Amino acid sequence: MELERTDRIGVGVHRRLIDSFYVEAMLLADEARGYFDQGARTARDQLDPFGRVTFSCESLKVTTRLMHIIAWLLTQRAVDAGELSPRDALDPSRRLGEAPVTEDDILAQMPEDAQALIVASIDLHRRVARLDGAQADPEPPADSPAQLLQARLAMAF
């Protein structure tokens, strides 16, 4: 009975986390689209030809990161809705895609607004990747702080 209650708590927390990441990803995608489609024209035009190509590549990297994140989050929502089994969600084709790498020296050359979007997409991808990795290996190491906290929560309920 206590295990079942702990599982329900874990599912609720997972669902809220997925929903929170989804909202963050969609807002960031909208902000990136608005910036790279319209707002960046002046900044892009001030760059040399190589800088414009690099800028375009970085905008594609942001988009790629965000699309991988959104696809993974939609998979998690399908699992929560019962449309996809948790086992099917672990298929390599449904896992979070690798994030394209942005070099520090390239990042430093980007306009300030572009830098903020690039860093935000990298950070969001890293956070979602930790959750994806935890699902692939759901057992935390023995005596981890998270495991101890879960045990305390289970005893409290």
N, C-alpha and C. Protein backbone atom coordinates (compact mmCIF):
# COMPACT_ATOMS: atom_id res chain seq x y z
N MET A 1 0.82 -1.18 0.00
CA MET A 1 0.00 0.00 0.00
C MET A 1 0.87 1.26 0.00
N GLU A 2 1.90 1.31 0.86
CA GLU A 2 2.78 2.47 0.90
C GLU A 2 3.54 2.60 -0.41
N LEU A 3 3.96 1.48 -1.00
CA LEU A 3 4.68 1.52 -2.27
C LEU A 3 3.78 2.11 -3.36
N GLU A 4 2.49 1.70 -3.34
CA GLU A 4 1.56 2.21 -4.33
C GLU A 4 1.38 3.72 -4.19
N ARG A 5 1.28 4.21 -2.97
CA ARG A 5 1.13 5.64 -2.73
C ARG A 5 2.38 6.39 -3.19
N THR A 6 3.56 5.83 -2.90
CA THR A 6 4.81 6.44 -3.34
C THR A 6 4.87 6.49 -4.86
N ASP A 7 4.41 5.43 -5.53
CA ASP A 7 4.38 5.41 -7.00
C ASP A 7 3.47 6.52 -7.54
N ARG A 8 2.30 6.72 -6.90
CA ARG A 8 1.38 7.78 -7.35
C ARG A 8 2.02 9.14 -7.17
N ILE A 9 2.71 9.35 -6.06
CA ILE A 9 3.40 10.61 -5.83
C ILE A 9 4.45 10.82 -6.90
N GLY A 10 5.23 9.78 -7.18
CA GLY A 10 6.27 9.87 -8.21
C GLY A 10 5.69 10.17 -9.58
N VAL A 11 4.55 9.56 -9.91
CA VAL A 11 3.90 9.81 -11.20
C VAL A 11 3.42 11.25 -11.28
N GLY A 12 2.84 11.75 -10.20
CA GLY A 12 2.37 13.14 -10.18
C GLY A 12 3.50 14.13 -10.33
N VAL A 13 4.60 13.88 -9.64
CA VAL A 13 5.76 14.75 -9.75
C VAL A 13 6.32 14.69 -11.17
N HIS A 14 6.41 13.49 -11.72
CA HIS A 14 6.91 13.32 -13.09
C HIS A 14 6.03 14.08 -14.07
N ARG A 15 4.72 13.95 -13.94
CA ARG A 15 3.80 14.62 -14.86
C ARG A 15 3.96 16.14 -14.76
N ARG A 16 4.07 16.67 -13.55
CA ARG A 16 4.24 18.12 -13.39
C ARG A 16 5.58 18.57 -13.96
N LEU A 17 6.60 17.77 -13.78
CA LEU A 17 7.92 18.10 -14.33
C LEU A 17 7.87 18.12 -15.85
N ILE A 18 7.25 17.13 -16.44
CA ILE A 18 7.12 17.07 -17.90
C ILE A 18 6.33 18.27 -18.40
N ASP A 19 5.22 18.59 -17.73
CA ASP A 19 4.41 19.75 -18.13
C ASP A 19 5.21 21.04 -18.02
N SER A 20 5.98 21.17 -16.95
CA SER A 20 6.80 22.37 -16.76
C SER A 20 7.86 22.50 -17.85
N PHE A 21 8.53 21.40 -18.15
CA PHE A 21 9.53 21.42 -19.23
C PHE A 21 8.86 21.74 -20.57
N TYR A 22 7.67 21.20 -20.79
CA TYR A 22 6.97 21.42 -22.05
C TYR A 22 6.66 22.91 -22.23
N VAL A 23 6.12 23.54 -21.19
CA VAL A 23 5.81 24.96 -21.26
C VAL A 23 7.09 25.76 -21.51
N GLU A 24 8.15 25.43 -20.77
CA GLU A 24 9.42 26.14 -20.96
C GLU A 24 9.95 25.97 -22.38
N ALA A 25 9.88 24.76 -22.91
CA ALA A 25 10.38 24.49 -24.26
C ALA A 25 9.56 25.24 -25.31
N MET A 26 8.26 25.25 -25.15
CA MET A 26 7.41 25.94 -26.13
C MET A 26 7.63 27.46 -26.08
N LEU A 27 7.76 28.01 -24.89
CA LEU A 27 8.03 29.44 -24.78
C LEU A 27 9.39 29.80 -25.39
N LEU A 28 10.38 28.96 -25.10
CA LEU A 28 11.72 29.20 -25.66
C LEU A 28 11.71 29.06 -27.17
N ALA A 29 10.98 28.08 -27.69
CA ALA A 29 10.88 27.88 -29.14
C ALA A 29 10.21 29.09 -29.79
N ASP A 30 9.18 29.63 -29.17
CA ASP A 30 8.50 30.80 -29.71
C ASP A 30 9.42 32.02 -29.68
N GLU A 31 10.14 32.17 -28.57
CA GLU A 31 11.09 33.29 -28.46
C GLU A 31 12.20 33.17 -29.51
N ALA A 32 12.72 31.96 -29.69
CA ALA A 32 13.78 31.75 -30.68
C ALA A 32 13.26 32.00 -32.09
N ARG A 33 12.07 31.51 -32.39
CA ARG A 33 11.49 31.74 -33.72
C ARG A 33 11.34 33.24 -33.97
N GLY A 34 10.78 33.95 -33.01
CA GLY A 34 10.61 35.38 -33.17
C GLY A 34 11.93 36.11 -33.36
N TYR A 35 12.92 35.72 -32.59
CA TYR A 35 14.22 36.37 -32.70
C TYR A 35 14.91 36.04 -34.02
N PHE A 36 15.05 34.77 -34.32
CA PHE A 36 15.81 34.39 -35.51
C PHE A 36 15.08 34.73 -36.81
N ASP A 37 13.74 34.77 -36.78
CA ASP A 37 12.99 35.14 -37.99
C ASP A 37 12.98 36.64 -38.23
N GLN A 38 12.82 37.42 -37.19
CA GLN A 38 12.64 38.86 -37.35
C GLN A 38 13.68 39.70 -36.62
N GLY A 39 13.77 39.50 -35.32
CA GLY A 39 14.56 40.38 -34.47
C GLY A 39 16.05 40.39 -34.76
N ALA A 40 16.56 39.36 -35.33
CA ALA A 40 18.00 39.23 -35.52
C ALA A 40 18.50 39.82 -36.84
N ARG A 41 17.62 40.31 -37.66
CA ARG A 41 18.05 40.80 -38.98
C ARG A 41 19.13 41.87 -38.88
N THR A 42 18.94 42.84 -38.02
CA THR A 42 19.92 43.92 -37.88
C THR A 42 21.24 43.37 -37.38
N ALA A 43 21.18 42.53 -36.34
CA ALA A 43 22.40 41.96 -35.78
C ALA A 43 23.12 41.08 -36.79
N ARG A 44 22.34 40.29 -37.54
CA ARG A 44 22.92 39.40 -38.55
C ARG A 44 23.56 40.21 -39.67
N ASP A 45 22.91 41.29 -40.09
CA ASP A 45 23.44 42.11 -41.19
C ASP A 45 24.74 42.81 -40.82
N GLN A 46 25.00 42.99 -39.53
CA GLN A 46 26.23 43.65 -39.09
C GLN A 46 27.42 42.69 -39.05
N LEU A 47 27.17 41.41 -39.25
CA LEU A 47 28.25 40.41 -39.23
C LEU A 47 28.89 40.28 -40.59
N ASP A 48 30.15 39.85 -40.61
CA ASP A 48 30.82 39.57 -41.89
C ASP A 48 30.20 38.30 -42.48
N PRO A 49 30.50 37.96 -43.74
CA PRO A 49 29.87 36.80 -44.37
C PRO A 49 30.05 35.50 -43.57
N PHE A 50 31.26 35.27 -43.05
CA PHE A 50 31.48 34.06 -42.26
C PHE A 50 30.65 34.11 -40.98
N GLY A 51 30.57 35.27 -40.37
CA GLY A 51 29.76 35.45 -39.16
C GLY A 51 28.29 35.19 -39.41
N ARG A 52 27.78 35.58 -40.58
CA ARG A 52 26.37 35.33 -40.92
C ARG A 52 26.11 33.84 -41.07
N VAL A 53 27.05 33.13 -41.69
CA VAL A 53 26.90 31.67 -41.82
C VAL A 53 26.93 31.02 -40.44
N THR A 54 27.87 31.44 -39.60
CA THR A 54 27.97 30.90 -38.25
C THR A 54 26.69 31.20 -37.47
N PHE A 55 26.17 32.41 -37.61
CA PHE A 55 24.92 32.80 -36.95
C PHE A 55 23.78 31.88 -37.39
N SER A 56 23.68 31.61 -38.67
CA SER A 56 22.64 30.72 -39.20
C SER A 56 22.79 29.31 -38.65
N CYS A 57 24.03 28.84 -38.58
CA CYS A 57 24.28 27.51 -38.04
C CYS A 57 23.85 27.42 -36.57
N GLU A 58 24.16 28.46 -35.83
CA GLU A 58 23.78 28.47 -34.41
C GLU A 58 22.27 28.53 -34.24
N SER A 59 21.58 29.25 -35.11
CA SER A 59 20.12 29.29 -35.01
C SER A 59 19.54 27.90 -35.30
N LEU A 60 20.14 27.19 -36.24
CA LEU A 60 19.70 25.81 -36.53
C LEU A 60 19.98 24.89 -35.35
N LYS A 61 21.08 25.09 -34.66
CA LYS A 61 21.40 24.28 -33.48
C LYS A 61 20.37 24.51 -32.37
N VAL A 62 19.99 25.76 -32.16
CA VAL A 62 18.96 26.06 -31.15
C VAL A 62 17.67 25.33 -31.52
N THR A 63 17.28 25.46 -32.79
CA THR A 63 16.05 24.81 -33.26
C THR A 63 16.13 23.29 -33.10
N THR A 64 17.26 22.71 -33.44
CA THR A 64 17.44 21.26 -33.32
C THR A 64 17.31 20.82 -31.87
N ARG A 65 18.00 21.53 -30.96
CA ARG A 65 17.89 21.19 -29.53
C ARG A 65 16.44 21.22 -29.07
N LEU A 66 15.76 22.30 -29.43
CA LEU A 66 14.39 22.47 -28.97
C LEU A 66 13.45 21.42 -29.57
N MET A 67 13.64 21.08 -30.83
CA MET A 67 12.77 20.07 -31.44
C MET A 67 13.01 18.68 -30.83
N HIS A 68 14.25 18.37 -30.51
CA HIS A 68 14.53 17.11 -29.81
C HIS A 68 13.84 17.09 -28.46
N ILE A 69 13.92 18.19 -27.74
CA ILE A 69 13.30 18.29 -26.42
C ILE A 69 11.79 18.14 -26.53
N ILE A 70 11.18 18.89 -27.44
CA ILE A 70 9.72 18.85 -27.58
C ILE A 70 9.25 17.47 -28.00
N ALA A 71 9.95 16.83 -28.92
CA ALA A 71 9.57 15.48 -29.34
C ALA A 71 9.64 14.51 -28.16
N TRP A 72 10.69 14.61 -27.35
CA TRP A 72 10.82 13.73 -26.19
C TRP A 72 9.71 13.99 -25.19
N LEU A 73 9.40 15.26 -24.96
CA LEU A 73 8.33 15.60 -24.01
C LEU A 73 6.98 15.11 -24.50
N LEU A 74 6.72 15.19 -25.79
CA LEU A 74 5.47 14.67 -26.33
C LEU A 74 5.39 13.16 -26.16
N THR A 75 6.52 12.48 -26.28
CA THR A 75 6.56 11.04 -26.03
C THR A 75 6.18 10.75 -24.58
N GLN A 76 6.71 11.55 -23.65
CA GLN A 76 6.40 11.36 -22.23
C GLN A 76 4.93 11.62 -21.96
N ARG A 77 4.36 12.60 -22.62
CA ARG A 77 2.93 12.88 -22.47
C ARG A 77 2.10 11.72 -23.03
N ALA A 78 2.55 11.12 -24.12
CA ALA A 78 1.84 9.96 -24.67
C ALA A 78 1.87 8.79 -23.70
N VAL A 79 2.98 8.61 -23.01
CA VAL A 79 3.07 7.55 -21.99
C VAL A 79 2.09 7.86 -20.86
N ASP A 80 2.09 9.10 -20.38
CA ASP A 80 1.19 9.49 -19.30
C ASP A 80 -0.28 9.31 -19.68
N ALA A 81 -0.61 9.53 -20.95
CA ALA A 81 -1.98 9.39 -21.43
C ALA A 81 -2.35 7.94 -21.75
N GLY A 82 -1.38 7.03 -21.64
CA GLY A 82 -1.65 5.63 -21.94
C GLY A 82 -1.63 5.30 -23.42
N GLU A 83 -1.18 6.23 -24.23
CA GLU A 83 -1.12 6.02 -25.68
C GLU A 83 0.14 5.28 -26.10
N LEU A 84 1.11 5.20 -25.22
CA LEU A 84 2.39 4.57 -25.51
C LEU A 84 2.86 3.90 -24.23
N SER A 85 3.42 2.72 -24.35
CA SER A 85 3.90 2.04 -23.14
C SER A 85 5.24 2.63 -22.71
N PRO A 86 5.51 2.59 -21.41
CA PRO A 86 6.81 3.08 -20.94
C PRO A 86 7.98 2.36 -21.62
N ARG A 87 7.79 1.09 -21.90
CA ARG A 87 8.86 0.32 -22.57
C ARG A 87 9.11 0.85 -23.98
N ASP A 88 8.01 1.16 -24.70
CA ASP A 88 8.16 1.70 -26.05
C ASP A 88 8.84 3.07 -26.04
N ALA A 89 8.62 3.82 -24.97
CA ALA A 89 9.24 5.15 -24.86
C ALA A 89 10.75 5.06 -24.70
N LEU A 90 11.24 3.89 -24.27
CA LEU A 90 12.68 3.71 -24.10
C LEU A 90 13.38 3.27 -25.39
N ASP A 91 12.60 3.06 -26.45
CA ASP A 91 13.19 2.72 -27.74
C ASP A 91 14.14 3.84 -28.14
N PRO A 92 15.31 3.51 -28.67
CA PRO A 92 16.28 4.55 -29.04
C PRO A 92 15.71 5.64 -29.95
N SER A 93 14.75 5.30 -30.80
CA SER A 93 14.17 6.30 -31.70
C SER A 93 13.30 7.31 -30.96
N ARG A 94 12.91 6.99 -29.74
CA ARG A 94 12.06 7.89 -28.96
C ARG A 94 12.81 8.57 -27.82
N ARG A 95 14.08 8.30 -27.72
CA ARG A 95 14.89 8.92 -26.67
C ARG A 95 15.28 10.33 -27.10
N LEU A 96 15.78 11.09 -26.17
CA LEU A 96 16.20 12.46 -26.45
C LEU A 96 17.40 12.43 -27.40
N GLY A 97 17.32 13.19 -28.46
CA GLY A 97 18.43 13.24 -29.41
C GLY A 97 19.62 13.98 -28.84
N GLU A 98 20.76 13.71 -29.40
CA GLU A 98 21.99 14.40 -28.98
C GLU A 98 21.88 15.89 -29.31
N ALA A 99 22.43 16.70 -28.44
CA ALA A 99 22.42 18.14 -28.67
C ALA A 99 23.61 18.53 -29.53
N PRO A 100 23.37 19.36 -30.54
CA PRO A 100 24.53 19.88 -31.29
C PRO A 100 25.38 20.75 -30.37
N VAL A 101 26.66 20.70 -30.58
CA VAL A 101 27.60 21.42 -29.71
C VAL A 101 27.83 22.83 -30.24
N THR A 102 27.82 23.78 -29.32
CA THR A 102 28.18 25.15 -29.63
C THR A 102 29.50 25.44 -28.94
N GLU A 103 30.49 25.77 -29.70
CA GLU A 103 31.81 26.07 -29.14
C GLU A 103 31.78 27.41 -28.40
N ASP A 104 32.54 27.48 -27.31
CA ASP A 104 32.58 28.70 -26.49
C ASP A 104 33.04 29.92 -27.28
N ASP A 105 34.04 29.74 -28.15
CA ASP A 105 34.53 30.88 -28.91
C ASP A 105 33.50 31.37 -29.93
N ILE A 106 32.71 30.46 -30.47
CA ILE A 106 31.63 30.84 -31.39
C ILE A 106 30.52 31.56 -30.61
N LEU A 107 30.19 31.02 -29.45
CA LEU A 107 29.16 31.64 -28.61
C LEU A 107 29.53 33.08 -28.28
N ALA A 108 30.78 33.32 -27.96
CA ALA A 108 31.24 34.66 -27.60
C ALA A 108 31.11 35.65 -28.76
N GLN A 109 31.10 35.16 -29.99
CA GLN A 109 31.01 36.04 -31.16
C GLN A 109 29.56 36.41 -31.52
N MET A 110 28.62 35.70 -30.92
CA MET A 110 27.21 35.92 -31.26
C MET A 110 26.68 37.19 -30.59
N PRO A 111 25.68 37.82 -31.20
CA PRO A 111 25.02 38.94 -30.53
C PRO A 111 24.46 38.49 -29.17
N GLU A 112 24.30 39.44 -28.26
CA GLU A 112 23.90 39.14 -26.89
C GLU A 112 22.58 38.37 -26.81
N ASP A 113 21.58 38.77 -27.58
CA ASP A 113 20.28 38.07 -27.56
C ASP A 113 20.41 36.64 -28.08
N ALA A 114 21.22 36.45 -29.09
CA ALA A 114 21.45 35.11 -29.62
C ALA A 114 22.17 34.25 -28.58
N GLN A 115 23.14 34.83 -27.91
CA GLN A 115 23.85 34.10 -26.85
C GLN A 115 22.87 33.61 -25.78
N ALA A 116 21.96 34.47 -25.38
CA ALA A 116 20.99 34.10 -24.34
C ALA A 116 20.12 32.93 -24.79
N LEU A 117 19.68 32.94 -26.03
CA LEU A 117 18.86 31.84 -26.54
C LEU A 117 19.66 30.55 -26.68
N ILE A 118 20.89 30.67 -27.14
CA ILE A 118 21.75 29.49 -27.28
C ILE A 118 21.99 28.86 -25.92
N VAL A 119 22.36 29.66 -24.93
CA VAL A 119 22.63 29.15 -23.58
C VAL A 119 21.37 28.55 -22.97
N ALA A 120 20.23 29.20 -23.16
CA ALA A 120 18.97 28.68 -22.61
C ALA A 120 18.63 27.32 -23.23
N SER A 121 18.85 27.17 -24.53
CA SER A 121 18.53 25.89 -25.17
C SER A 121 19.49 24.79 -24.72
N ILE A 122 20.75 25.14 -24.52
CA ILE A 122 21.72 24.16 -24.01
C ILE A 122 21.35 23.72 -22.60
N ASP A 123 21.01 24.69 -21.76
CA ASP A 123 20.64 24.39 -20.38
C ASP A 123 19.39 23.52 -20.31
N LEU A 124 18.36 23.85 -21.07
CA LEU A 124 17.14 23.06 -21.08
C LEU A 124 17.42 21.64 -21.57
N HIS A 125 18.22 21.51 -22.61
CA HIS A 125 18.55 20.17 -23.12
C HIS A 125 19.28 19.36 -22.06
N ARG A 126 20.21 19.96 -21.34
CA ARG A 126 20.94 19.24 -20.29
C ARG A 126 20.00 18.75 -19.20
N ARG A 127 19.05 19.60 -18.78
CA ARG A 127 18.12 19.21 -17.73
C ARG A 127 17.20 18.08 -18.17
N VAL A 128 16.70 18.17 -19.41
CA VAL A 128 15.84 17.12 -19.93
C VAL A 128 16.65 15.83 -20.14
N ALA A 129 17.90 15.96 -20.54
CA ALA A 129 18.76 14.78 -20.73
C ALA A 129 18.96 14.03 -19.42
N ARG A 130 19.05 14.75 -18.32
CA ARG A 130 19.18 14.08 -17.01
C ARG A 130 17.93 13.26 -16.71
N LEU A 131 16.77 13.79 -17.02
CA LEU A 131 15.53 13.06 -16.81
C LEU A 131 15.44 11.85 -17.74
N ASP A 132 15.83 12.04 -18.99
CA ASP A 132 15.85 10.93 -19.96
C ASP A 132 16.80 9.83 -19.49
N GLY A 133 17.97 10.22 -19.01
CA GLY A 133 18.93 9.24 -18.52
C GLY A 133 18.42 8.50 -17.28
N ALA A 134 17.71 9.21 -16.42
CA ALA A 134 17.16 8.58 -15.22
C ALA A 134 16.10 7.54 -15.58
N GLN A 135 15.38 7.76 -16.66
CA GLN A 135 14.38 6.77 -17.08
C GLN A 135 15.03 5.53 -17.64
N ALA A 136 16.14 5.70 -18.30
CA ALA A 136 16.85 4.55 -18.86
C ALA A 136 17.49 3.73 -17.76
N ASP A 137 17.90 4.39 -16.68
CA ASP A 137 18.51 3.73 -15.53
C ASP A 137 17.80 4.25 -14.29
N PRO A 138 16.58 3.74 -14.01
CA PRO A 138 15.75 4.34 -12.97
C PRO A 138 16.23 4.13 -11.54
N GLU A 139 17.14 3.24 -11.30
CA GLU A 139 17.60 2.98 -9.95
C GLU A 139 18.74 3.91 -9.58
N PRO A 140 18.50 4.85 -8.63
CA PRO A 140 19.61 5.70 -8.20
C PRO A 140 20.61 4.87 -7.42
N PRO A 141 21.84 5.32 -7.35
CA PRO A 141 22.81 4.58 -6.58
C PRO A 141 22.39 4.50 -5.12
N ALA A 142 22.77 3.42 -4.46
CA ALA A 142 22.42 3.23 -3.05
C ALA A 142 22.92 4.41 -2.23
N ASP A 143 22.12 4.80 -1.27
CA ASP A 143 22.46 5.88 -0.34
C ASP A 143 22.58 7.23 -1.03
N SER A 144 21.92 7.41 -2.18
CA SER A 144 21.94 8.72 -2.81
C SER A 144 21.01 9.64 -2.03
N PRO A 145 21.26 10.94 -2.04
CA PRO A 145 20.37 11.86 -1.34
C PRO A 145 18.92 11.76 -1.82
N ALA A 146 18.73 11.57 -3.11
CA ALA A 146 17.37 11.46 -3.65
C ALA A 146 16.68 10.20 -3.12
N GLN A 147 17.40 9.11 -3.06
CA GLN A 147 16.83 7.86 -2.56
C GLN A 147 16.47 7.99 -1.08
N LEU A 148 17.31 8.63 -0.30
CA LEU A 148 17.02 8.84 1.11
C LEU A 148 15.80 9.72 1.30
N LEU A 149 15.67 10.76 0.48
CA LEU A 149 14.52 11.64 0.56
C LEU A 149 13.24 10.91 0.18
N GLN A 150 13.30 10.06 -0.86
CA GLN A 150 12.13 9.29 -1.25
C GLN A 150 11.69 8.35 -0.13
N ALA A 151 12.64 7.75 0.53
CA ALA A 151 12.32 6.86 1.64
C ALA A 151 11.65 7.62 2.78
N ARG A 152 12.15 8.82 3.07
CA ARG A 152 11.54 9.64 4.14
C ARG A 152 10.12 10.06 3.75
N LEU A 153 9.93 10.42 2.49
CA LEU A 153 8.60 10.79 2.03
C LEU A 153 7.64 9.61 2.14
N ALA A 154 8.11 8.43 1.76
CA ALA A 154 7.26 7.24 1.82
C ALA A 154 6.84 6.94 3.26
N MET A 155 7.74 7.16 4.20
CA MET A 155 7.41 6.90 5.60
C MET A 155 6.44 7.96 6.13
N ALA A 156 6.50 9.18 5.61
CA ALA A 156 5.63 10.25 6.08
C ALA A 156 4.18 10.04 5.62
N PHE A 157 3.99 9.35 4.54
CA PHE A 157 2.64 9.13 4.03
C PHE A 157 2.23 7.73 4.35
